[in-house]
Amino acid sequence: MPSVRCKFLTAIVAVVGLGLFCSQTALAQPMRCSGEKKTCLASCKSVPSPAPNSDCITVCNARQAYCVRTGCWDNGRQRYCGLMRQ
């Protein structure tokens, strides 16, 4: 026959488990394609290049359009997916 202490601990574990099961996770807000475009445009302004700045902005806009279609951002060196398309 289980002791009172064992029953008490079992009840606490069950309540905590139920609470964790029913609770929503506190996740960071998913990254958005528009946030990546802002980062891209900021890098266009910060890097002096011989090419006109409009070329860099055009590339950022093309990457933004691709991201909205697919949910993936491709910065030329790295491609990552799972972005919110809004």
PDB file of N, CA and C in Angstrom:
ATOM      1  N   MET A   1       0.851  -1.179   0.000  1.00  0.00           N
ATOM      2  CA  MET A   1       0.000   0.000   0.000  1.00  0.00           C
ATOM      3  C   MET A   1       0.894   1.239   0.000  1.00  0.00           C
ATOM      4  N   PRO A   2       0.699   2.179  -0.983  1.00  0.00           N
ATOM      5  CA  PRO A   2       1.539   3.361  -1.065  1.00  0.00           C
ATOM      6  C   PRO A   2       1.346   4.271   0.135  1.00  0.00           C
ATOM      7  N   SER A   3       2.426   4.902   0.500  1.00  0.00           N
ATOM      8  CA  SER A   3       2.367   5.808   1.639  1.00  0.00           C
ATOM      9  C   SER A   3       1.682   7.112   1.238  1.00  0.00           C
ATOM     10  N   VAL A   4       1.332   7.903   2.239  1.00  0.00           N
ATOM     11  CA  VAL A   4       0.678   9.187   2.005  1.00  0.00           C
ATOM     12  C   VAL A   4       1.621  10.113   1.239  1.00  0.00           C
ATOM     13  N   ARG A   5       2.891  10.046   1.579  1.00  0.00           N
ATOM     14  CA  ARG A   5       3.870  10.889   0.901  1.00  0.00           C
ATOM     15  C   ARG A   5       3.966  10.537  -0.577  1.00  0.00           C
ATOM     16  N   CYS A   6       3.959   9.265  -0.915  1.00  0.00           N
ATOM     17  CA  CYS A   6       4.031   8.816  -2.308  1.00  0.00           C
ATOM     18  C   CYS A   6       2.786   9.272  -3.074  1.00  0.00           C
ATOM     19  N   LYS A   7       1.615   9.161  -2.462  1.00  0.00           N
ATOM     20  CA  LYS A   7       0.381   9.613  -3.106  1.00  0.00           C
ATOM     21  C   LYS A   7       0.420  11.125  -3.333  1.00  0.00           C
ATOM     22  N   PHE A   8       0.948  11.851  -2.369  1.00  0.00           N
ATOM     23  CA  PHE A   8       1.030  13.302  -2.471  1.00  0.00           C
ATOM     24  C   PHE A   8       1.962  13.702  -3.617  1.00  0.00           C
ATOM     25  N   LEU A   9       3.126  13.071  -3.700  1.00  0.00           N
ATOM     26  CA  LEU A   9       4.067  13.367  -4.779  1.00  0.00           C
ATOM     27  C   LEU A   9       3.493  12.989  -6.147  1.00  0.00           C
ATOM     28  N   THR A  10       2.778  11.869  -6.196  1.00  0.00           N
ATOM     29  CA  THR A  10       2.143  11.458  -7.443  1.00  0.00           C
ATOM     30  C   THR A  10       1.105  12.478  -7.883  1.00  0.00           C
ATOM     31  N   ALA A  11       0.339  12.993  -6.929  1.00  0.00           N
ATOM     32  CA  ALA A  11      -0.673  14.000  -7.243  1.00  0.00           C
ATOM     33  C   ALA A  11      -0.023  15.283  -7.745  1.00  0.00           C
ATOM     34  N   ILE A  12       1.071  15.695  -7.121  1.00  0.00           N
ATOM     35  CA  ILE A  12       1.775  16.912  -7.553  1.00  0.00           C
ATOM     36  C   ILE A  12       2.321  16.736  -8.967  1.00  0.00           C
ATOM     37  N   VAL A  13       2.938  15.602  -9.233  1.00  0.00           N
ATOM     38  CA  VAL A  13       3.482  15.336 -10.560  1.00  0.00           C
ATOM     39  C   VAL A  13       2.354  15.330 -11.597  1.00  0.00           C
ATOM     40  N   ALA A  14       1.221  14.753 -11.258  1.00  0.00           N
ATOM     41  CA  ALA A  14       0.092  14.715 -12.184  1.00  0.00           C
ATOM     42  C   ALA A  14      -0.433  16.122 -12.470  1.00  0.00           C
ATOM     43  N   VAL A  15      -0.530  16.955 -11.451  1.00  0.00           N
ATOM     44  CA  VAL A  15      -1.031  18.323 -11.633  1.00  0.00           C
ATOM     45  C   VAL A  15      -0.037  19.131 -12.482  1.00  0.00           C
ATOM     46  N   VAL A  16       1.240  19.016 -12.189  1.00  0.00           N
ATOM     47  CA  VAL A  16       2.259  19.740 -12.963  1.00  0.00           C
ATOM     48  C   VAL A  16       2.257  19.251 -14.411  1.00  0.00           C
ATOM     49  N   GLY A  17       2.175  17.952 -14.607  1.00  0.00           N
ATOM     50  CA  GLY A  17       2.132  17.398 -15.953  1.00  0.00           C
ATOM     51  C   GLY A  17       0.913  17.865 -16.725  1.00  0.00           C
ATOM     52  N   LEU A  18      -0.229  17.882 -16.073  1.00  0.00           N
ATOM     53  CA  LEU A  18      -1.446  18.368 -16.722  1.00  0.00           C
ATOM     54  C   LEU A  18      -1.323  19.847 -17.060  1.00  0.00           C
ATOM     55  N   GLY A  19      -0.737  20.614 -16.149  1.00  0.00           N
ATOM     56  CA  GLY A  19      -0.535  22.039 -16.414  1.00  0.00           C
ATOM     57  C   GLY A  19       0.386  22.275 -17.596  1.00  0.00           C
ATOM     58  N   LEU A  20       1.465  21.504 -17.697  1.00  0.00           N
ATOM     59  CA  LEU A  20       2.379  21.633 -18.827  1.00  0.00           C
ATOM     60  C   LEU A  20       1.729  21.174 -20.129  1.00  0.00           C
ATOM     61  N   PHE A  21       0.909  20.156 -20.035  1.00  0.00           N
ATOM     62  CA  PHE A  21       0.233  19.653 -21.213  1.00  0.00           C
ATOM     63  C   PHE A  21      -0.765  20.668 -21.765  1.00  0.00           C
ATOM     64  N   CYS A  22      -1.445  21.367 -20.886  1.00  0.00           N
ATOM     65  CA  CYS A  22      -2.488  22.315 -21.290  1.00  0.00           C
ATOM     66  C   CYS A  22      -1.944  23.710 -21.596  1.00  0.00           C
ATOM     67  N   SER A  23      -0.751  24.015 -21.160  1.00  0.00           N
ATOM     68  CA  SER A  23      -0.226  25.364 -21.353  1.00  0.00           C
ATOM     69  C   SER A  23       0.315  25.538 -22.757  1.00  0.00           C
ATOM     70  N   GLN A  24       0.333  26.767 -23.209  1.00  0.00           N
ATOM     71  CA  GLN A  24       0.916  27.089 -24.506  1.00  0.00           C
ATOM     72  C   GLN A  24       2.377  27.446 -24.285  1.00  0.00           C
ATOM     73  N   THR A  25       3.180  27.103 -25.256  1.00  0.00           N
ATOM     74  CA  THR A  25       4.592  27.434 -25.126  1.00  0.00           C
ATOM     75  C   THR A  25       4.792  28.912 -25.423  1.00  0.00           C
ATOM     76  N   ALA A  26       5.730  29.495 -24.747  1.00  0.00           N
ATOM     77  CA  ALA A  26       6.055  30.907 -24.953  1.00  0.00           C
ATOM     78  C   ALA A  26       7.214  30.979 -25.931  1.00  0.00           C
ATOM     79  N   LEU A  27       6.892  30.897 -27.200  1.00  0.00           N
ATOM     80  CA  LEU A  27       7.925  30.923 -28.235  1.00  0.00           C
ATOM     81  C   LEU A  27       8.170  32.347 -28.691  1.00  0.00           C
ATOM     82  N   ALA A  28       9.333  32.570 -29.202  1.00  0.00           N
ATOM     83  CA  ALA A  28       9.625  33.857 -29.813  1.00  0.00           C
ATOM     84  C   ALA A  28       8.783  33.991 -31.069  1.00  0.00           C
ATOM     85  N   GLN A  29       8.450  35.200 -31.402  1.00  0.00           N
ATOM     86  CA  GLN A  29       7.658  35.426 -32.602  1.00  0.00           C
ATOM     87  C   GLN A  29       8.440  34.947 -33.819  1.00  0.00           C
ATOM     88  N   PRO A  30       7.795  34.185 -34.691  1.00  0.00           N
ATOM     89  CA  PRO A  30       8.514  33.694 -35.869  1.00  0.00           C
ATOM     90  C   PRO A  30       9.034  34.838 -36.723  1.00  0.00           C
ATOM     91  N   MET A  31      10.162  34.598 -37.342  1.00  0.00           N
ATOM     92  CA  MET A  31      10.735  35.619 -38.217  1.00  0.00           C
ATOM     93  C   MET A  31       9.853  35.763 -39.442  1.00  0.00           C
ATOM     94  N   ARG A  32       9.840  36.936 -39.976  1.00  0.00           N
ATOM     95  CA  ARG A  32       9.028  37.227 -41.148  1.00  0.00           C
ATOM     96  C   ARG A  32       9.931  37.599 -42.315  1.00  0.00           C
ATOM     97  N   CYS A  33       9.404  37.385 -43.499  1.00  0.00           N
ATOM     98  CA  CYS A  33      10.148  37.768 -44.702  1.00  0.00           C
ATOM     99  C   CYS A  33      10.443  39.262 -44.705  1.00  0.00           C
ATOM    100  N   SER A  34       9.489  40.054 -44.213  1.00  0.00           N
ATOM    101  CA  SER A  34       9.699  41.506 -44.226  1.00  0.00           C
ATOM    102  C   SER A  34      10.853  41.910 -43.312  1.00  0.00           C
ATOM    103  N   GLY A  35      11.041  41.188 -42.220  1.00  0.00           N
ATOM    104  CA  GLY A  35      12.164  41.473 -41.334  1.00  0.00           C
ATOM    105  C   GLY A  35      13.493  41.173 -42.000  1.00  0.00           C
ATOM    106  N   GLU A  36      13.518  40.117 -42.785  1.00  0.00           N
ATOM    107  CA  GLU A  36      14.745  39.785 -43.512  1.00  0.00           C
ATOM    108  C   GLU A  36      15.036  40.837 -44.577  1.00  0.00           C
ATOM    109  N   LYS A  37      13.983  41.370 -45.201  1.00  0.00           N
ATOM    110  CA  LYS A  37      14.197  42.412 -46.211  1.00  0.00           C
ATOM    111  C   LYS A  37      14.779  43.663 -45.558  1.00  0.00           C
ATOM    112  N   LYS A  38      14.289  44.004 -44.367  1.00  0.00           N
ATOM    113  CA  LYS A  38      14.829  45.168 -43.663  1.00  0.00           C
ATOM    114  C   LYS A  38      16.310  44.980 -43.372  1.00  0.00           C
ATOM    115  N   THR A  39      16.676  43.775 -42.968  1.00  0.00           N
ATOM    116  CA  THR A  39      18.088  43.477 -42.706  1.00  0.00           C
ATOM    117  C   THR A  39      18.909  43.590 -43.990  1.00  0.00           C
ATOM    118  N   CYS A  40      18.346  43.095 -45.069  1.00  0.00           N
ATOM    119  CA  CYS A  40      19.040  43.165 -46.362  1.00  0.00           C
ATOM    120  C   CYS A  40      19.255  44.620 -46.786  1.00  0.00           C
ATOM    121  N   LEU A  41      18.217  45.429 -46.645  1.00  0.00           N
ATOM    122  CA  LEU A  41      18.332  46.842 -47.026  1.00  0.00           C
ATOM    123  C   LEU A  41      19.324  47.581 -46.134  1.00  0.00           C
ATOM    124  N   ALA A  42      19.347  47.230 -44.852  1.00  0.00           N
ATOM    125  CA  ALA A  42      20.308  47.856 -43.941  1.00  0.00           C
ATOM    126  C   ALA A  42      21.737  47.509 -44.343  1.00  0.00           C
ATOM    127  N   SER A  43      21.942  46.266 -44.781  1.00  0.00           N
ATOM    128  CA  SER A  43      23.297  45.889 -45.205  1.00  0.00           C
ATOM    129  C   SER A  43      23.676  46.596 -46.509  1.00  0.00           C
ATOM    130  N   CYS A  44      22.690  46.891 -47.351  1.00  0.00           N
ATOM    131  CA  CYS A  44      22.976  47.655 -48.580  1.00  0.00           C
ATOM    132  C   CYS A  44      23.513  49.038 -48.232  1.00  0.00           C
ATOM    133  N   LYS A  45      22.940  49.645 -47.213  1.00  0.00           N
ATOM    134  CA  LYS A  45      23.356  50.995 -46.832  1.00  0.00           C
ATOM    135  C   LYS A  45      24.707  51.012 -46.128  1.00  0.00           C
ATOM    136  N   SER A  46      25.019  49.906 -45.428  1.00  0.00           N
ATOM    137  CA  SER A  46      26.230  49.914 -44.607  1.00  0.00           C
ATOM    138  C   SER A  46      27.493  49.498 -45.360  1.00  0.00           C
ATOM    139  N   VAL A  47      27.341  48.816 -46.464  1.00  0.00           N
ATOM    140  CA  VAL A  47      28.512  48.318 -47.187  1.00  0.00           C
ATOM    141  C   VAL A  47      28.774  49.201 -48.401  1.00  0.00           C
ATOM    142  N   PRO A  48      29.909  49.898 -48.391  1.00  0.00           N
ATOM    143  CA  PRO A  48      30.231  50.692 -49.583  1.00  0.00           C
ATOM    144  C   PRO A  48      30.659  49.757 -50.707  1.00  0.00           C
ATOM    145  N   SER A  49      30.048  49.923 -51.838  1.00  0.00           N
ATOM    146  CA  SER A  49      30.404  49.064 -52.969  1.00  0.00           C
ATOM    147  C   SER A  49      30.480  49.904 -54.236  1.00  0.00           C
ATOM    148  N   PRO A  50      31.225  49.428 -55.194  1.00  0.00           N
ATOM    149  CA  PRO A  50      31.321  50.171 -56.440  1.00  0.00           C
ATOM    150  C   PRO A  50      30.016  50.134 -57.246  1.00  0.00           C
ATOM    151  N   ALA A  51      29.212  49.092 -57.038  1.00  0.00           N
ATOM    152  CA  ALA A  51      27.926  48.998 -57.744  1.00  0.00           C
ATOM    153  C   ALA A  51      26.941  49.989 -57.137  1.00  0.00           C
ATOM    154  N   PRO A  52      26.065  50.510 -57.941  1.00  0.00           N
ATOM    155  CA  PRO A  52      25.068  51.438 -57.410  1.00  0.00           C
ATOM    156  C   PRO A  52      24.206  50.771 -56.339  1.00  0.00           C
ATOM    157  N   ASN A  53      23.777  51.555 -55.371  1.00  0.00           N
ATOM    158  CA  ASN A  53      22.959  51.051 -54.286  1.00  0.00           C
ATOM    159  C   ASN A  53      21.638  50.487 -54.802  1.00  0.00           C
ATOM    160  N   SER A  54      21.167  50.970 -55.929  1.00  0.00           N
ATOM    161  CA  SER A  54      19.900  50.492 -56.477  1.00  0.00           C
ATOM    162  C   SER A  54      19.981  49.014 -56.876  1.00  0.00           C
ATOM    163  N   ASP A  55      21.163  48.549 -57.284  1.00  0.00           N
ATOM    164  CA  ASP A  55      21.325  47.129 -57.605  1.00  0.00           C
ATOM    165  C   ASP A  55      21.119  46.265 -56.361  1.00  0.00           C
ATOM    166  N   CYS A  56      21.681  46.712 -55.268  1.00  0.00           N
ATOM    167  CA  CYS A  56      21.538  45.973 -54.011  1.00  0.00           C
ATOM    168  C   CYS A  56      20.067  45.943 -53.575  1.00  0.00           C
ATOM    169  N   ILE A  57      19.383  47.059 -53.712  1.00  0.00           N
ATOM    170  CA  ILE A  57      17.966  47.132 -53.334  1.00  0.00           C
ATOM    171  C   ILE A  57      17.133  46.231 -54.236  1.00  0.00           C
ATOM    172  N   THR A  58      17.480  46.158 -55.514  1.00  0.00           N
ATOM    173  CA  THR A  58      16.777  45.273 -56.442  1.00  0.00           C
ATOM    174  C   THR A  58      16.938  43.816 -56.030  1.00  0.00           C
ATOM    175  N   VAL A  59      18.139  43.452 -55.609  1.00  0.00           N
ATOM    176  CA  VAL A  59      18.391  42.086 -55.143  1.00  0.00           C
ATOM    177  C   VAL A  59      17.566  41.797 -53.891  1.00  0.00           C
ATOM    178  N   CYS A  60      17.499  42.752 -52.969  1.00  0.00           N
ATOM    179  CA  CYS A  60      16.693  42.566 -51.744  1.00  0.00           C
ATOM    180  C   CYS A  60      15.223  42.377 -52.091  1.00  0.00           C
ATOM    181  N   ASN A  61      14.732  43.150 -53.059  1.00  0.00           N
ATOM    182  CA  ASN A  61      13.333  43.012 -53.463  1.00  0.00           C
ATOM    183  C   ASN A  61      13.063  41.653 -54.097  1.00  0.00           C
ATOM    184  N   ALA A  62      14.005  41.156 -54.890  1.00  0.00           N
ATOM    185  CA  ALA A  62      13.844  39.832 -55.506  1.00  0.00           C
ATOM    186  C   ALA A  62      13.858  38.740 -54.442  1.00  0.00           C
ATOM    187  N   ARG A  63      14.740  38.877 -53.475  1.00  0.00           N
ATOM    188  CA  ARG A  63      14.785  37.894 -52.381  1.00  0.00           C
ATOM    189  C   ARG A  63      13.500  37.932 -51.562  1.00  0.00           C
ATOM    190  N   GLN A  64      12.953  39.128 -51.365  1.00  0.00           N
ATOM    191  CA  GLN A  64      11.691  39.281 -50.648  1.00  0.00           C
ATOM    192  C   GLN A  64      10.560  38.573 -51.392  1.00  0.00           C
ATOM    193  N   ALA A  65      10.484  38.754 -52.707  1.00  0.00           N
ATOM    194  CA  ALA A  65       9.437  38.111 -53.504  1.00  0.00           C
ATOM    195  C   ALA A  65       9.565  36.587 -53.426  1.00  0.00           C
ATOM    196  N   TYR A  66      10.789  36.088 -53.480  1.00  0.00           N
ATOM    197  CA  TYR A  66      11.028  34.653 -53.364  1.00  0.00           C
ATOM    198  C   TYR A  66      10.594  34.147 -51.986  1.00  0.00           C
ATOM    199  N   CYS A  67      10.893  34.913 -50.957  1.00  0.00           N
ATOM    200  CA  CYS A  67      10.546  34.522 -49.597  1.00  0.00           C
ATOM    201  C   CYS A  67       9.034  34.474 -49.414  1.00  0.00           C
ATOM    202  N   VAL A  68       8.338  35.439 -49.975  1.00  0.00           N
ATOM    203  CA  VAL A  68       6.878  35.468 -49.846  1.00  0.00           C
ATOM    204  C   VAL A  68       6.263  34.252 -50.551  1.00  0.00           C
ATOM    205  N   ARG A  69       6.848  33.844 -51.674  1.00  0.00           N
ATOM    206  CA  ARG A  69       6.333  32.676 -52.403  1.00  0.00           C
ATOM    207  C   ARG A  69       6.626  31.373 -51.682  1.00  0.00           C
ATOM    208  N   THR A  70       7.826  31.236 -51.122  1.00  0.00           N
ATOM    209  CA  THR A  70       8.279  29.932 -50.631  1.00  0.00           C
ATOM    210  C   THR A  70       8.399  29.835 -49.115  1.00  0.00           C
ATOM    211  N   GLY A  71       8.543  30.954 -48.421  1.00  0.00           N
ATOM    212  CA  GLY A  71       8.803  30.917 -46.986  1.00  0.00           C
ATOM    213  C   GLY A  71      10.271  30.708 -46.663  1.00  0.00           C
ATOM    214  N   CYS A  72      11.115  30.784 -47.685  1.00  0.00           N
ATOM    215  CA  CYS A  72      12.556  30.587 -47.501  1.00  0.00           C
ATOM    216  C   CYS A  72      13.302  31.860 -47.903  1.00  0.00           C
ATOM    217  N   TRP A  73      14.314  32.189 -47.132  1.00  0.00           N
ATOM    218  CA  TRP A  73      15.152  33.351 -47.453  1.00  0.00           C
ATOM    219  C   TRP A  73      16.497  32.835 -47.907  1.00  0.00           C
ATOM    220  N   ASP A  74      16.979  33.346 -49.016  1.00  0.00           N
ATOM    221  CA  ASP A  74      18.274  32.971 -49.546  1.00  0.00           C
ATOM    222  C   ASP A  74      19.116  34.237 -49.636  1.00  0.00           C
ATOM    223  N   ASN A  75      20.129  34.336 -48.781  1.00  0.00           N
ATOM    224  CA  ASN A  75      20.936  35.554 -48.771  1.00  0.00           C
ATOM    225  C   ASN A  75      22.180  35.448 -49.645  1.00  0.00           C
ATOM    226  N   GLY A  76      22.256  34.406 -50.445  1.00  0.00           N
ATOM    227  CA  GLY A  76      23.408  34.229 -51.322  1.00  0.00           C
ATOM    228  C   GLY A  76      24.430  33.258 -50.763  1.00  0.00           C
ATOM    229  N   ARG A  77      24.568  33.209 -49.461  1.00  0.00           N
ATOM    230  CA  ARG A  77      25.493  32.275 -48.811  1.00  0.00           C
ATOM    231  C   ARG A  77      24.755  31.184 -48.059  1.00  0.00           C
ATOM    232  N   GLN A  78      23.552  31.496 -47.612  1.00  0.00           N
ATOM    233  CA  GLN A  78      22.808  30.579 -46.762  1.00  0.00           C
ATOM    234  C   GLN A  78      21.335  30.662 -47.117  1.00  0.00           C
ATOM    235  N   ARG A  79      20.653  29.520 -47.074  1.00  0.00           N
ATOM    236  CA  ARG A  79      19.220  29.475 -47.333  1.00  0.00           C
ATOM    237  C   ARG A  79      18.554  28.856 -46.114  1.00  0.00           C
ATOM    238  N   TYR A  80      17.573  29.557 -45.556  1.00  0.00           N
ATOM    239  CA  TYR A  80      16.845  29.003 -44.435  1.00  0.00           C
ATOM    240  C   TYR A  80      15.355  29.216 -44.638  1.00  0.00           C
ATOM    241  N   CYS A  81      14.589  28.247 -44.178  1.00  0.00           N
ATOM    242  CA  CYS A  81      13.152  28.219 -44.432  1.00  0.00           C
ATOM    243  C   CYS A  81      12.376  28.271 -43.128  1.00  0.00           C
ATOM    244  N   GLY A  82      11.072  28.301 -43.267  1.00  0.00           N
ATOM    245  CA  GLY A  82      10.190  28.339 -42.108  1.00  0.00           C
ATOM    246  C   GLY A  82       9.809  29.742 -41.697  1.00  0.00           C
ATOM    247  N   LEU A  83      10.012  30.696 -42.568  1.00  0.00           N
ATOM    248  CA  LEU A  83       9.668  32.079 -42.259  1.00  0.00           C
ATOM    249  C   LEU A  83       8.188  32.322 -42.527  1.00  0.00           C
ATOM    250  N   MET A  84       7.615  33.231 -41.771  1.00  0.00           N
ATOM    251  CA  MET A  84       6.251  33.636 -42.053  1.00  0.00           C
ATOM    252  C   MET A  84       6.276  34.477 -43.314  1.00  0.00           C
ATOM    253  N   ARG A  85       5.334  34.248 -44.178  1.00  0.00           N
ATOM    254  CA  ARG A  85       5.363  34.886 -45.495  1.00  0.00           C
ATOM    255  C   ARG A  85       4.789  36.296 -45.497  1.00  0.00           C
ATOM    256  N   GLN A  86       4.285  36.747 -44.398  1.00  0.00           N
ATOM    257  CA  GLN A  86       3.652  38.075 -44.354  1.00  0.00           C
ATOM    258  C   GLN A  86       4.680  39.163 -44.197  1.00  0.00           C
TER     259      GLN A  86
END
